Protein backbone atom coordinates (compact mmCIF):
# COMPACT_ATOMS: atom_id res chain seq x y z
CA UNK A 1 4.43 -1.05 16.95
CA UNK A 2 3.37 -1.33 20.24
CA UNK A 3 2.23 -4.96 21.80
CA UNK A 4 0.92 -4.96 24.46
CA UNK A 5 2.25 -8.86 26.28
CA UNK A 6 1.05 -8.65 30.55
CA UNK A 7 0.08 -5.96 30.96
CA UNK A 8 3.98 -4.49 29.80
CA UNK A 9 4.88 -2.08 27.25
CA UNK A 10 6.69 -4.16 25.17
CA UNK A 11 7.95 -1.98 21.30
CA UNK A 12 8.79 -4.01 18.58
CA UNK A 13 10.63 -2.38 15.65
CA UNK A 14 9.18 -3.28 12.34
CA UNK A 15 11.02 -3.59 9.34
CA UNK A 16 10.27 -3.57 5.57
CA UNK A 17 11.87 -4.84 3.21
CA UNK A 18 10.69 -5.91 -0.92
CA UNK A 19 7.11 -4.21 -0.09
CA UNK A 20 6.21 -7.18 2.92
CA UNK A 21 6.37 -6.04 6.32
CA UNK A 22 8.67 -8.16 8.86
CA UNK A 23 8.00 -8.30 12.94
CA UNK A 24 9.88 -11.35 14.67
CA UNK A 25 10.27 -12.93 11.52
CA UNK A 26 6.46 -13.28 10.14
CA UNK A 27 5.77 -11.85 5.79
CA UNK A 28 3.46 -9.65 6.42
CA UNK A 29 1.61 -9.91 2.68
CA UNK A 30 0.49 -6.50 0.88
CA UNK A 31 -2.34 -6.02 -1.28
CA UNK A 32 -1.75 -3.57 -4.68
CA UNK A 33 -4.59 -1.32 -5.96
CA UNK A 34 -4.49 1.72 -8.96
CA UNK A 35 -7.10 4.71 -8.03
CA UNK A 36 -7.29 5.26 -11.41
CA UNK A 37 -9.59 8.27 -10.53
CA UNK A 38 -8.30 10.85 -8.07
CA UNK A 39 -5.30 10.40 -6.17
CA UNK A 40 -4.71 9.12 -2.66
CA UNK A 41 -5.97 11.38 -0.05
CA UNK A 42 -9.08 12.07 2.68
CA UNK A 43 -12.25 9.94 2.16
CA UNK A 44 -10.78 9.19 -1.32
CA UNK A 45 -9.89 4.79 -0.32
CA UNK A 46 -10.76 2.21 2.15
CA UNK A 47 -8.88 3.53 5.59
CA UNK A 48 -8.54 -0.23 7.61
CA UNK A 49 -5.67 -2.35 6.88
CA UNK A 50 -3.90 0.62 4.70
CA UNK A 51 0.05 0.48 4.97
CA UNK A 52 0.50 3.66 3.06
CA UNK A 53 0.72 4.82 -0.49
CA UNK A 54 2.44 6.27 -3.24
CA UNK A 55 2.67 8.94 -6.01
CA UNK A 56 2.32 7.58 -9.82
CA UNK A 57 2.89 8.88 -12.85
CA UNK A 58 -0.69 8.86 -14.50
CA UNK A 59 0.35 8.29 -17.88
CA UNK A 60 2.86 5.39 -17.74
CA UNK A 61 0.97 3.34 -15.71
CA UNK A 62 -2.84 4.19 -15.66
CA UNK A 63 -3.54 5.51 -11.67
CA UNK A 64 -2.71 8.71 -10.42
CA UNK A 65 -1.71 6.59 -6.82
CA UNK A 66 -0.79 3.10 -5.82
CA UNK A 67 -2.61 2.29 -2.08
CA UNK A 68 -1.08 -1.38 -0.02
CA UNK A 69 -2.99 -2.88 2.36
CA UNK A 70 -2.32 -5.49 4.72
CA UNK A 71 -5.94 -7.58 4.12
CA UNK A 72 -7.33 -8.33 0.76
CA UNK A 73 -9.78 -5.15 0.09
CA UNK A 74 -14.08 -6.61 -0.73
CA UNK A 75 -15.55 -6.35 -4.19
CA UNK A 76 -17.68 -3.47 -2.32
CA UNK A 77 -14.50 -1.88 -1.47
CA UNK A 78 -13.29 -1.85 -4.72
CA UNK A 79 -16.27 -0.65 -6.23
CA UNK A 80 -17.00 1.90 -4.30
CA UNK A 81 -13.80 4.16 -4.38
CA UNK A 82 -12.89 2.92 -7.83
CA UNK A 83 -10.06 0.28 -7.43
CA UNK A 84 -7.79 -1.58 -9.88
CA UNK A 85 -6.53 -4.28 -8.28
CA UNK A 86 -3.27 -5.17 -9.34
CA UNK A 87 -0.21 -7.75 -8.96
CA UNK A 88 2.61 -6.54 -6.55
CA UNK A 89 4.99 -6.77 -9.36
CA UNK A 90 2.98 -4.36 -11.39
CA UNK A 91 2.40 -1.88 -8.43
CA UNK A 92 6.53 -1.75 -7.89
CA UNK A 93 7.22 -1.28 -11.55
CA UNK A 94 4.84 1.78 -12.00
CA UNK A 95 6.50 3.12 -8.02
CA UNK A 96 9.98 2.84 -9.03
CA UNK A 97 9.26 4.60 -12.68
CA UNK A 98 8.12 7.47 -10.27
CA UNK A 99 11.11 7.61 -8.52
CA UNK A 100 13.89 7.28 -11.09
CA UNK A 101 12.26 10.02 -13.46
CA UNK A 102 12.84 12.39 -9.50
CA UNK A 103 16.29 11.37 -9.97
CA UNK A 104 16.23 13.15 -13.50
């Protein structure tokens, strides 16, 4: 991540802990959404504010992918892209189930 302060380029380290990003001690809340009808790909989800995604087990979770954002999506975006808001705990549970299956 780069910051421009007084016309000087300063590079700050961005760390992820427990699903949240920390920059100089500031916690950024993430918003999670499930993709019910398709996985994450070009044009299948809003890009603005997207922090990342993870493909998950459809049979276990009911979603192909979980995408997460640094902002809350509008009702229009949720409807247009056929997303389902998911609470953070449930999203992380679905994402960890897939990781456990990969190690088996």
